[in-house]
Amino acid sequence: MSARTLAAAVAALLIFPAAAHASAPITCSNTDLMPAADNVEQIRDAVLCLHNQIRQQHNLPRLAENSKLQKAGTTHSNEMVDEGYFDHTAPDGTTFVDRILGARYAKRNGDWTIGENLAWGTGDMSTPAGVMQAWMNSSGHKANILKRSYKELGIGIRLGTPSDAGVGVTISAEFGAKS
């Protein structure tokens, strides 16, 4: 390689740094998997992957999985199925903010932003792809998925729905960012 060719290549990298660091498109596995007792982790991984795939398509940073947010989401999904309700606020008045702070994700007086998407479904609507399609077809849920300031995600999954603990799945996606 001549010095002139090398200089041109270096100049191209300086002018187009995004192209030099562009990541390959995210591909997700198990997106059509029906939730079952032996595949909850695969479902969780697929839902996280689909969030990041959609965010990549919109030039947004990936969300990192967070165990404290997952704990808050799992607690809520379990409660909704066990107590037969579907809402961001529990019958006792506990809000998603209370749950996320209770999971010690952030301090009440800290600098943070959080959000929550809920879903339950049976059949095709219980698959990761079905849940994500429903969320992307809802302006409020889509806004959470595409909110640039979110950095982390915890996905709480419970087999069963608020109306029938024997079928489907209930999912709580807890979004967050803190400084």
Protein backbone atom coordinates (compact mmCIF):
# COMPACT_ATOMS: atom_id res chain seq x y z
CA MET A 1 0.00 0.00 0.00
CA SER A 2 1.41 3.36 -0.94
CA ALA A 3 1.69 6.24 1.50
CA ARG A 4 -0.95 8.12 -0.52
CA THR A 5 -3.44 5.17 -0.27
CA LEU A 6 -2.77 4.80 3.46
CA ALA A 7 -3.30 8.53 4.00
CA ALA A 8 -6.59 8.37 2.08
CA ALA A 9 -7.75 5.41 4.17
CA VAL A 10 -6.90 7.21 7.42
CA ALA A 11 -8.64 10.35 6.20
CA ALA A 12 -11.77 8.32 5.36
CA LEU A 13 -11.81 6.89 8.89
CA LEU A 14 -11.51 10.39 10.34
CA ILE A 15 -14.28 11.76 8.13
CA PHE A 16 -16.66 8.78 8.50
CA PRO A 17 -16.04 7.36 11.99
CA ALA A 18 -19.56 5.92 12.30
CA ALA A 19 -19.04 3.79 9.21
CA ALA A 20 -15.79 2.48 10.63
CA HIS A 21 -17.53 1.44 13.86
CA ALA A 22 -20.94 0.46 12.46
CA SER A 23 -22.18 -2.67 14.16
CA ALA A 24 -23.75 -5.55 12.37
CA PRO A 25 -27.54 -5.69 12.45
CA ILE A 26 -28.85 -7.40 15.56
CA THR A 27 -30.55 -10.72 14.91
CA CYS A 28 -32.66 -12.33 17.61
CA SER A 29 -33.39 -15.98 18.31
CA ASN A 30 -36.48 -17.57 19.80
CA THR A 31 -38.77 -14.66 18.92
CA ASP A 32 -41.65 -17.03 18.04
CA LEU A 33 -41.11 -19.30 21.04
CA MET A 34 -44.22 -20.02 23.12
CA PRO A 35 -43.47 -19.40 26.81
CA ALA A 36 -43.17 -22.52 28.98
CA ALA A 37 -41.65 -23.40 32.34
CA ASP A 38 -38.41 -24.59 30.73
CA ASN A 39 -37.76 -21.58 28.46
CA VAL A 40 -38.43 -18.42 30.50
CA GLU A 41 -34.77 -17.33 30.22
CA GLN A 42 -34.88 -17.77 26.44
CA ILE A 43 -38.06 -15.67 26.33
CA ARG A 44 -36.38 -12.96 28.46
CA ASP A 45 -33.31 -12.96 26.20
CA ALA A 46 -35.48 -12.70 23.08
CA VAL A 47 -37.50 -9.78 24.48
CA LEU A 48 -34.29 -7.93 25.43
CA CYS A 49 -32.80 -8.66 22.02
CA LEU A 50 -35.91 -7.36 20.23
CA HIS A 51 -35.76 -4.14 22.24
CA ASN A 52 -32.17 -3.64 21.17
CA GLN A 53 -32.90 -4.61 17.57
CA ILE A 54 -35.62 -1.97 17.36
CA ARG A 55 -33.42 0.61 19.08
CA GLN A 56 -30.59 -0.12 16.64
CA GLN A 57 -32.98 0.45 13.73
CA HIS A 58 -33.67 3.90 15.19
CA ASN A 59 -29.96 4.69 15.85
CA LEU A 60 -30.40 4.44 19.62
CA PRO A 61 -27.97 2.89 22.11
CA ARG A 62 -28.54 -0.64 23.34
CA LEU A 63 -30.19 -1.30 26.67
CA ALA A 64 -28.17 -3.30 29.19
CA GLU A 65 -29.92 -5.94 31.25
CA ASN A 66 -30.27 -4.93 34.92
CA SER A 67 -31.04 -7.46 37.67
CA LYS A 68 -32.63 -4.90 40.02
CA LEU A 69 -35.04 -3.76 37.33
CA GLN A 70 -35.72 -7.42 36.52
CA LYS A 71 -36.53 -8.04 40.19
CA ALA A 72 -39.05 -5.17 40.17
CA GLY A 73 -40.64 -6.49 36.96
CA THR A 74 -40.78 -10.08 38.15
CA THR A 75 -42.39 -9.03 41.43
CA HIS A 76 -45.04 -7.09 39.53
CA SER A 77 -45.77 -9.80 36.95
CA ASN A 78 -46.13 -12.37 39.77
CA GLU A 79 -48.44 -10.08 41.72
CA MET A 80 -50.66 -9.32 38.72
CA VAL A 81 -51.17 -13.02 37.96
CA ASP A 82 -51.58 -14.02 41.63
CA GLU A 83 -54.03 -11.21 42.42
CA GLY A 84 -55.83 -11.11 39.06
CA TYR A 85 -55.31 -7.50 37.99
CA PHE A 86 -53.45 -5.75 35.16
CA ASP A 87 -52.26 -2.22 35.88
CA HIS A 88 -49.17 -0.13 36.57
CA THR A 89 -50.56 0.56 40.04
CA ALA A 90 -51.25 -2.35 42.40
CA PRO A 91 -54.57 -2.54 44.28
CA ASP A 92 -52.72 -1.40 47.43
CA GLY A 93 -51.59 1.78 45.64
CA THR A 94 -48.00 0.70 45.00
CA THR A 95 -46.74 2.27 41.75
CA PHE A 96 -44.02 1.18 39.38
CA VAL A 97 -41.85 3.95 40.87
CA ASP A 98 -42.32 2.38 44.32
CA ARG A 99 -41.42 -1.08 42.97
CA ILE A 100 -38.30 0.09 41.15
CA LEU A 101 -37.07 2.12 44.11
CA GLY A 102 -37.95 -0.80 46.42
CA ALA A 103 -35.74 -3.07 44.30
CA ARG A 104 -32.93 -0.61 45.11
CA TYR A 105 -32.37 0.37 41.51
CA ALA A 106 -32.13 4.03 42.48
CA LYS A 107 -32.52 6.26 45.52
CA ARG A 108 -35.70 8.29 45.95
CA ASN A 109 -33.77 11.59 45.93
CA GLY A 110 -31.35 10.48 43.21
CA ASP A 111 -31.11 11.54 39.58
CA TRP A 112 -32.97 8.90 37.53
CA THR A 113 -35.59 8.30 34.87
CA ILE A 114 -37.74 5.18 34.74
CA GLY A 115 -40.61 3.70 32.77
CA GLU A 116 -42.65 0.54 32.51
CA ASN A 117 -44.34 -1.46 29.75
CA LEU A 118 -46.79 -4.23 30.66
CA ALA A 119 -48.18 -7.00 28.49
CA TRP A 120 -50.06 -10.25 28.80
CA GLY A 121 -51.02 -12.59 26.05
CA THR A 122 -51.92 -16.09 24.98
CA GLY A 123 -51.10 -18.00 21.81
CA ASP A 124 -49.10 -15.98 19.28
CA MET A 125 -49.52 -12.86 21.44
CA SER A 126 -47.50 -14.53 24.21
CA THR A 127 -44.37 -14.92 22.07
CA PRO A 128 -41.60 -12.31 22.28
CA ALA A 129 -42.46 -11.18 18.73
CA GLY A 130 -46.17 -10.92 19.59
CA VAL A 131 -45.50 -8.87 22.72
CA MET A 132 -43.08 -6.53 20.93
CA GLN A 133 -45.49 -6.06 18.03
CA ALA A 134 -48.26 -5.09 20.46
CA TRP A 135 -45.98 -2.62 22.23
CA MET A 136 -44.76 -1.08 18.96
CA ASN A 137 -48.39 -0.63 17.88
CA SER A 138 -49.10 1.40 21.02
CA SER A 139 -47.76 4.96 21.07
CA GLY A 140 -47.01 5.04 24.81
CA HIS A 141 -45.25 1.68 24.86
CA LYS A 142 -43.34 2.51 21.68
CA ALA A 143 -42.21 5.80 23.25
CA ASN A 144 -40.67 3.88 26.17
CA ILE A 145 -38.88 1.47 23.83
CA LEU A 146 -37.48 4.38 21.80
CA LYS A 147 -36.65 6.75 24.66
CA ARG A 148 -33.03 7.70 24.13
CA SER A 149 -32.29 8.42 27.79
CA TYR A 150 -32.99 4.85 28.95
CA LYS A 151 -29.83 2.82 29.48
CA GLU A 152 -31.04 -0.35 31.22
CA LEU A 153 -33.92 -2.81 31.10
CA GLY A 154 -35.23 -5.50 33.41
CA ILE A 155 -37.80 -7.97 32.12
CA GLY A 156 -40.07 -9.74 34.58
CA ILE A 157 -41.86 -12.79 33.19
CA ARG A 158 -44.58 -14.90 34.79
CA LEU A 159 -46.36 -17.77 33.13
CA GLY A 160 -50.11 -17.20 33.26
CA THR A 161 -52.28 -14.13 32.81
CA PRO A 162 -54.22 -12.00 35.27
CA SER A 163 -57.43 -13.65 34.08
CA ASP A 164 -56.14 -17.25 33.97
CA ALA A 165 -52.97 -18.40 35.74
CA GLY A 166 -52.97 -21.56 33.62
CA VAL A 167 -52.39 -20.01 30.18
CA GLY A 168 -50.22 -17.41 28.47
CA VAL A 169 -47.64 -15.07 29.92
CA THR A 170 -47.49 -11.74 31.74
CA ILE A 171 -44.47 -9.49 31.16
CA SER A 172 -43.30 -6.33 32.93
CA ALA A 173 -40.51 -4.41 31.20
CA GLU A 174 -38.83 -1.93 33.54
CA PHE A 175 -36.73 0.81 31.92
CA GLY A 176 -34.21 2.96 33.70
CA ALA A 177 -31.27 5.31 33.67
CA LYS A 178 -29.52 6.84 36.65
CA SER A 179 -26.52 8.99 37.30
